[in-house]
């Protein structure tokens, strides 16, 4: 089995070898589609606009954000499709989830990666 990785889209790509998928609802400012080297964009698996705005990347709200986001994902058919896609691509390649947040520890990518690893027993 290959690796599931989480990277910040604004960083120089550590690895272009793999299935690269943006997991933000909004396109990251200042990044061209050509330079992003994306294979997919899972915007419907990102936090809702309301949740994103409420969270505002405040580390003190992260615990509650995580709970609310996990509830959103539980009822989200787009997440199930993402999960299936990740599982399929991991059979032959690495999968790199990309996010735009500055905070590397308190963002939806951390929550999403943890959940996918848990559900796929990685």
N, C-alpha and C. Protein backbone atom coordinates (compact mmCIF):
# COMPACT_ATOMS: atom_id res chain seq x y z
N UNK A 1 0.86 -1.18 0.00
CA UNK A 1 0.00 0.00 0.00
C UNK A 1 0.90 1.24 0.00
N UNK A 2 0.49 2.25 -0.70
CA UNK A 2 1.23 3.49 -0.78
C UNK A 2 0.85 4.40 0.37
N UNK A 3 1.34 5.61 0.34
CA UNK A 3 1.21 6.54 1.47
C UNK A 3 0.15 7.62 1.23
N UNK A 4 -0.57 7.97 2.29
CA UNK A 4 -1.48 9.11 2.29
C UNK A 4 -0.73 10.26 2.96
N UNK A 5 -0.56 11.35 2.22
CA UNK A 5 0.22 12.48 2.72
C UNK A 5 -0.66 13.72 2.79
N UNK A 6 -0.28 14.65 3.64
CA UNK A 6 -0.96 15.93 3.78
C UNK A 6 0.08 17.02 3.61
N UNK A 7 -0.18 17.95 2.66
CA UNK A 7 0.77 19.03 2.39
C UNK A 7 0.03 20.35 2.22
N UNK A 8 0.73 21.42 2.51
CA UNK A 8 0.20 22.76 2.30
C UNK A 8 0.47 23.16 0.85
N UNK A 9 -0.56 23.60 0.15
CA UNK A 9 -0.43 23.89 -1.28
C UNK A 9 0.53 25.05 -1.56
N UNK A 10 0.76 25.91 -0.58
CA UNK A 10 1.65 27.06 -0.79
C UNK A 10 3.12 26.68 -0.64
N UNK A 11 3.40 25.50 -0.11
CA UNK A 11 4.78 25.03 0.01
C UNK A 11 5.23 24.47 -1.33
N UNK A 12 6.53 24.55 -1.57
CA UNK A 12 7.07 23.91 -2.76
C UNK A 12 6.71 22.43 -2.67
N UNK A 13 6.15 21.85 -3.73
CA UNK A 13 5.72 20.45 -3.64
C UNK A 13 6.86 19.53 -3.22
N UNK A 14 6.63 18.80 -2.13
CA UNK A 14 7.61 17.83 -1.68
C UNK A 14 7.59 16.62 -2.59
N UNK A 15 6.45 16.42 -3.22
CA UNK A 15 6.28 15.22 -4.01
C UNK A 15 5.22 15.46 -5.09
N UNK A 16 5.61 15.41 -6.32
CA UNK A 16 4.64 15.51 -7.42
C UNK A 16 4.26 14.12 -7.91
N UNK A 17 4.88 13.11 -7.32
CA UNK A 17 4.61 11.73 -7.70
C UNK A 17 3.46 11.21 -6.84
N UNK A 18 2.28 11.27 -7.39
CA UNK A 18 1.12 10.80 -6.64
C UNK A 18 -0.13 11.50 -7.13
N UNK A 19 -1.24 11.09 -6.61
CA UNK A 19 -2.54 11.68 -6.93
C UNK A 19 -2.73 12.87 -6.00
N UNK A 20 -2.73 14.07 -6.55
CA UNK A 20 -2.78 15.32 -5.78
C UNK A 20 -4.21 15.87 -5.81
N UNK A 21 -4.77 16.07 -4.63
CA UNK A 21 -6.15 16.53 -4.54
C UNK A 21 -6.29 17.68 -3.56
N UNK A 22 -6.87 18.77 -4.03
CA UNK A 22 -7.14 19.93 -3.18
C UNK A 22 -8.37 19.64 -2.35
N UNK A 23 -8.30 19.91 -1.04
CA UNK A 23 -9.40 19.60 -0.13
C UNK A 23 -9.99 20.86 0.50
N UNK A 24 -9.80 22.00 -0.14
CA UNK A 24 -10.39 23.27 0.31
C UNK A 24 -11.65 23.56 -0.51
N UNK A 25 -12.59 24.26 0.09
CA UNK A 25 -13.81 24.64 -0.63
C UNK A 25 -13.53 25.77 -1.63
N UNK A 26 -12.63 26.67 -1.24
CA UNK A 26 -12.27 27.80 -2.12
C UNK A 26 -10.89 27.58 -2.71
N UNK A 27 -10.73 28.09 -3.93
CA UNK A 27 -9.42 27.99 -4.58
C UNK A 27 -8.43 28.87 -3.83
N UNK A 28 -7.22 28.37 -3.54
CA UNK A 28 -6.22 29.15 -2.80
C UNK A 28 -5.72 30.36 -3.59
N UNK A 29 -5.72 31.50 -2.93
CA UNK A 29 -5.28 32.74 -3.57
C UNK A 29 -3.83 32.66 -4.02
N UNK A 30 -3.58 33.16 -5.22
CA UNK A 30 -2.21 33.26 -5.72
C UNK A 30 -1.66 31.98 -6.30
N UNK A 31 -2.45 30.92 -6.35
CA UNK A 31 -1.98 29.66 -6.92
C UNK A 31 -2.67 29.46 -8.27
N UNK A 32 -1.87 29.31 -9.31
CA UNK A 32 -2.47 29.07 -10.62
C UNK A 32 -2.81 27.58 -10.74
N UNK A 33 -3.79 27.29 -11.54
CA UNK A 33 -4.18 25.89 -11.72
C UNK A 33 -3.02 25.08 -12.31
N UNK A 34 -2.24 25.69 -13.17
CA UNK A 34 -1.10 24.99 -13.77
C UNK A 34 -0.05 24.66 -12.72
N UNK A 35 0.24 25.61 -11.82
CA UNK A 35 1.27 25.39 -10.80
C UNK A 35 0.81 24.49 -9.67
N UNK A 36 -0.48 24.29 -9.53
CA UNK A 36 -0.99 23.44 -8.46
C UNK A 36 -0.74 21.96 -8.73
N UNK A 37 -0.61 21.60 -10.00
CA UNK A 37 -0.38 20.20 -10.39
C UNK A 37 -1.42 19.27 -9.78
N UNK A 38 -2.69 19.66 -9.86
CA UNK A 38 -3.76 18.87 -9.23
C UNK A 38 -4.30 17.80 -10.17
N UNK A 39 -4.73 16.72 -9.56
CA UNK A 39 -5.47 15.69 -10.27
C UNK A 39 -6.97 15.80 -9.99
N UNK A 40 -7.30 16.41 -8.85
CA UNK A 40 -8.71 16.51 -8.48
C UNK A 40 -8.88 17.63 -7.44
N UNK A 41 -10.14 18.02 -7.25
CA UNK A 41 -10.49 19.04 -6.27
C UNK A 41 -11.74 18.56 -5.56
N UNK A 42 -11.61 18.24 -4.28
CA UNK A 42 -12.72 17.69 -3.50
C UNK A 42 -13.37 18.79 -2.66
N UNK A 43 -13.82 19.85 -3.32
CA UNK A 43 -14.37 20.99 -2.58
C UNK A 43 -15.63 20.63 -1.81
N UNK A 44 -16.37 19.64 -2.27
CA UNK A 44 -17.60 19.26 -1.57
C UNK A 44 -17.34 18.43 -0.31
N UNK A 45 -16.10 18.04 -0.09
CA UNK A 45 -15.73 17.35 1.15
C UNK A 45 -15.10 18.30 2.16
N UNK A 46 -14.93 19.55 1.77
CA UNK A 46 -14.37 20.57 2.66
C UNK A 46 -15.46 21.04 3.63
N UNK A 47 -15.07 21.70 4.71
CA UNK A 47 -16.08 22.23 5.64
C UNK A 47 -17.03 23.19 4.93
N UNK A 48 -18.27 23.23 5.39
CA UNK A 48 -19.25 24.15 4.82
C UNK A 48 -18.78 25.59 5.03
N UNK A 49 -19.32 26.49 4.22
CA UNK A 49 -18.97 27.91 4.35
C UNK A 49 -19.25 28.40 5.77
N UNK A 50 -20.39 28.02 6.32
CA UNK A 50 -20.75 28.45 7.68
C UNK A 50 -19.76 27.97 8.71
N UNK A 51 -19.37 26.72 8.63
CA UNK A 51 -18.41 26.17 9.58
C UNK A 51 -17.05 26.81 9.39
N UNK A 52 -16.65 26.98 8.15
CA UNK A 52 -15.34 27.59 7.85
C UNK A 52 -15.25 29.00 8.44
N UNK A 53 -16.33 29.78 8.23
CA UNK A 53 -16.34 31.15 8.75
C UNK A 53 -16.38 31.17 10.27
N UNK A 54 -17.17 30.28 10.86
CA UNK A 54 -17.25 30.22 12.33
C UNK A 54 -15.88 29.90 12.92
N UNK A 55 -15.19 28.92 12.35
CA UNK A 55 -13.89 28.50 12.86
C UNK A 55 -12.86 29.61 12.73
N UNK A 56 -12.78 30.23 11.57
CA UNK A 56 -11.84 31.33 11.36
C UNK A 56 -10.40 30.99 11.68
N UNK A 57 -10.04 29.71 11.61
CA UNK A 57 -8.68 29.24 11.91
C UNK A 57 -8.21 29.63 13.30
N UNK A 58 -9.14 29.67 14.26
CA UNK A 58 -8.83 29.96 15.66
C UNK A 58 -8.48 28.64 16.35
N UNK A 59 -7.20 28.45 16.74
CA UNK A 59 -6.78 27.19 17.36
C UNK A 59 -7.61 26.81 18.59
N UNK A 60 -8.13 27.81 19.30
CA UNK A 60 -8.93 27.51 20.51
C UNK A 60 -10.27 26.88 20.15
N UNK A 61 -10.74 27.07 18.92
CA UNK A 61 -12.00 26.49 18.47
C UNK A 61 -11.80 25.15 17.77
N UNK A 62 -10.55 24.69 17.66
CA UNK A 62 -10.27 23.52 16.84
C UNK A 62 -11.00 22.26 17.31
N UNK A 63 -11.07 22.02 18.60
CA UNK A 63 -11.75 20.84 19.12
C UNK A 63 -13.20 20.79 18.68
N UNK A 64 -13.90 21.91 18.84
CA UNK A 64 -15.30 21.97 18.43
C UNK A 64 -15.43 21.95 16.91
N UNK A 65 -14.51 22.61 16.23
CA UNK A 65 -14.50 22.57 14.76
C UNK A 65 -14.39 21.13 14.28
N UNK A 66 -13.48 20.38 14.87
CA UNK A 66 -13.29 18.98 14.48
C UNK A 66 -14.58 18.19 14.66
N UNK A 67 -15.24 18.34 15.79
CA UNK A 67 -16.50 17.64 16.04
C UNK A 67 -17.56 18.00 14.99
N UNK A 68 -17.70 19.30 14.73
CA UNK A 68 -18.70 19.75 13.75
C UNK A 68 -18.37 19.27 12.35
N UNK A 69 -17.11 19.32 12.00
CA UNK A 69 -16.69 18.90 10.67
C UNK A 69 -16.92 17.39 10.48
N UNK A 70 -16.61 16.61 11.50
CA UNK A 70 -16.83 15.17 11.41
C UNK A 70 -18.32 14.86 11.25
N UNK A 71 -19.18 15.64 11.89
CA UNK A 71 -20.62 15.46 11.71
C UNK A 71 -21.03 15.78 10.28
N UNK A 72 -20.45 16.85 9.73
CA UNK A 72 -20.74 17.19 8.32
C UNK A 72 -20.31 16.06 7.39
N UNK A 73 -19.15 15.51 7.64
CA UNK A 73 -18.62 14.46 6.77
C UNK A 73 -19.46 13.19 6.86
N UNK A 74 -20.01 12.90 8.04
CA UNK A 74 -20.81 11.69 8.23
C UNK A 74 -22.04 11.67 7.34
N UNK A 75 -22.57 12.83 7.02
CA UNK A 75 -23.78 12.94 6.19
C UNK A 75 -23.47 13.40 4.76
N UNK A 76 -22.22 13.30 4.35
CA UNK A 76 -21.81 13.88 3.08
C UNK A 76 -21.45 12.81 2.06
N UNK A 77 -22.29 12.61 1.03
CA UNK A 77 -21.97 11.61 0.00
C UNK A 77 -20.67 11.92 -0.75
N UNK A 78 -20.31 13.18 -0.85
CA UNK A 78 -19.06 13.55 -1.53
C UNK A 78 -17.85 13.00 -0.76
N UNK A 79 -17.96 12.93 0.56
CA UNK A 79 -16.86 12.37 1.35
C UNK A 79 -16.71 10.87 1.05
N UNK A 80 -17.82 10.17 0.92
CA UNK A 80 -17.74 8.73 0.61
C UNK A 80 -17.08 8.50 -0.75
N UNK A 81 -17.37 9.37 -1.71
CA UNK A 81 -16.72 9.27 -3.01
C UNK A 81 -15.22 9.55 -2.88
N UNK A 82 -14.87 10.58 -2.10
CA UNK A 82 -13.45 10.88 -1.86
C UNK A 82 -12.76 9.68 -1.23
N UNK A 83 -13.38 9.09 -0.25
CA UNK A 83 -12.82 7.93 0.44
C UNK A 83 -12.58 6.78 -0.55
N UNK A 84 -13.55 6.52 -1.41
CA UNK A 84 -13.40 5.47 -2.43
C UNK A 84 -12.26 5.80 -3.39
N UNK A 85 -12.19 7.06 -3.80
CA UNK A 85 -11.13 7.48 -4.72
C UNK A 85 -9.75 7.34 -4.09
N UNK A 86 -9.63 7.77 -2.83
CA UNK A 86 -8.34 7.66 -2.13
C UNK A 86 -7.93 6.20 -2.03
N UNK A 87 -8.87 5.36 -1.64
CA UNK A 87 -8.59 3.92 -1.51
C UNK A 87 -8.12 3.34 -2.84
N UNK A 88 -8.81 3.68 -3.91
CA UNK A 88 -8.44 3.16 -5.23
C UNK A 88 -7.06 3.64 -5.66
N UNK A 89 -6.78 4.92 -5.47
CA UNK A 89 -5.49 5.47 -5.91
C UNK A 89 -4.34 4.97 -5.05
N UNK A 90 -4.59 4.67 -3.78
CA UNK A 90 -3.53 4.15 -2.92
C UNK A 90 -3.05 2.77 -3.35
N UNK A 91 -3.83 2.08 -4.15
CA UNK A 91 -3.41 0.76 -4.64
C UNK A 91 -2.20 0.87 -5.56
N UNK A 92 -2.08 2.00 -6.25
CA UNK A 92 -1.00 2.13 -7.23
C UNK A 92 -0.11 3.35 -7.04
N UNK A 93 -0.49 4.25 -6.14
CA UNK A 93 0.23 5.52 -6.03
C UNK A 93 0.07 6.12 -4.65
N UNK A 94 0.90 7.10 -4.35
CA UNK A 94 0.69 7.90 -3.16
C UNK A 94 -0.48 8.84 -3.40
N UNK A 95 -1.14 9.25 -2.34
CA UNK A 95 -2.21 10.24 -2.42
C UNK A 95 -1.78 11.42 -1.56
N UNK A 96 -1.84 12.62 -2.14
CA UNK A 96 -1.41 13.83 -1.45
C UNK A 96 -2.61 14.76 -1.33
N UNK A 97 -3.08 14.97 -0.09
CA UNK A 97 -4.16 15.90 0.19
C UNK A 97 -3.54 17.28 0.38
N UNK A 98 -4.08 18.29 -0.27
CA UNK A 98 -3.53 19.64 -0.23
C UNK A 98 -4.53 20.62 0.36
N UNK A 99 -4.04 21.46 1.26
CA UNK A 99 -4.86 22.49 1.90
C UNK A 99 -4.13 23.82 1.84
N UNK A 100 -4.85 24.91 2.09
CA UNK A 100 -4.24 26.23 2.00
C UNK A 100 -3.97 26.93 3.32
N UNK A 101 -4.52 26.46 4.42
CA UNK A 101 -4.40 27.14 5.72
C UNK A 101 -2.95 27.33 6.13
N UNK A 102 -2.69 28.44 6.83
CA UNK A 102 -1.33 28.71 7.33
C UNK A 102 -0.98 27.79 8.49
N UNK A 103 -1.94 27.55 9.37
CA UNK A 103 -1.73 26.72 10.56
C UNK A 103 -1.70 25.25 10.14
N UNK A 104 -0.57 24.60 10.33
CA UNK A 104 -0.39 23.23 9.88
C UNK A 104 -0.99 22.19 10.83
N UNK A 105 -1.36 22.61 12.03
CA UNK A 105 -1.88 21.67 13.03
C UNK A 105 -3.38 21.79 13.24
N UNK A 106 -3.96 22.94 12.90
CA UNK A 106 -5.37 23.21 13.17
C UNK A 106 -6.09 23.57 11.88
N UNK A 107 -6.37 22.56 11.05
CA UNK A 107 -7.07 22.80 9.79
C UNK A 107 -7.84 21.55 9.39
N UNK A 108 -8.70 21.70 8.40
CA UNK A 108 -9.54 20.58 7.98
C UNK A 108 -8.74 19.43 7.42
N UNK A 109 -7.58 19.71 6.87
CA UNK A 109 -6.74 18.65 6.32
C UNK A 109 -6.31 17.65 7.37
N UNK A 110 -5.99 18.16 8.55
CA UNK A 110 -5.59 17.29 9.66
C UNK A 110 -6.75 16.36 10.02
N UNK A 111 -7.94 16.92 10.11
CA UNK A 111 -9.14 16.14 10.47
C UNK A 111 -9.45 15.12 9.38
N UNK A 112 -9.43 15.56 8.14
CA UNK A 112 -9.77 14.70 7.01
C UNK A 112 -8.77 13.55 6.87
N UNK A 113 -7.49 13.86 6.98
CA UNK A 113 -6.46 12.84 6.86
C UNK A 113 -6.60 11.80 7.96
N UNK A 114 -6.81 12.26 9.18
CA UNK A 114 -6.98 11.35 10.32
C UNK A 114 -8.19 10.42 10.10
N UNK A 115 -9.30 10.99 9.64
CA UNK A 115 -10.50 10.19 9.41
C UNK A 115 -10.29 9.17 8.29
N UNK A 116 -9.69 9.59 7.20
CA UNK A 116 -9.45 8.67 6.09
C UNK A 116 -8.53 7.53 6.54
N UNK A 117 -7.47 7.85 7.26
CA UNK A 117 -6.55 6.82 7.75
C UNK A 117 -7.29 5.84 8.66
N UNK A 118 -8.14 6.36 9.51
CA UNK A 118 -8.91 5.53 10.42
C UNK A 118 -9.86 4.60 9.64
N UNK A 119 -10.57 5.17 8.68
CA UNK A 119 -11.56 4.38 7.93
C UNK A 119 -10.93 3.37 6.99
N UNK A 120 -9.71 3.65 6.52
CA UNK A 120 -9.03 2.71 5.62
C UNK A 120 -8.00 1.85 6.36
N UNK A 121 -7.95 1.98 7.68
CA UNK A 121 -7.01 1.22 8.50
C UNK A 121 -5.57 1.40 8.05
N UNK A 122 -5.17 2.66 7.85
CA UNK A 122 -3.79 2.95 7.42
C UNK A 122 -2.89 3.23 8.61
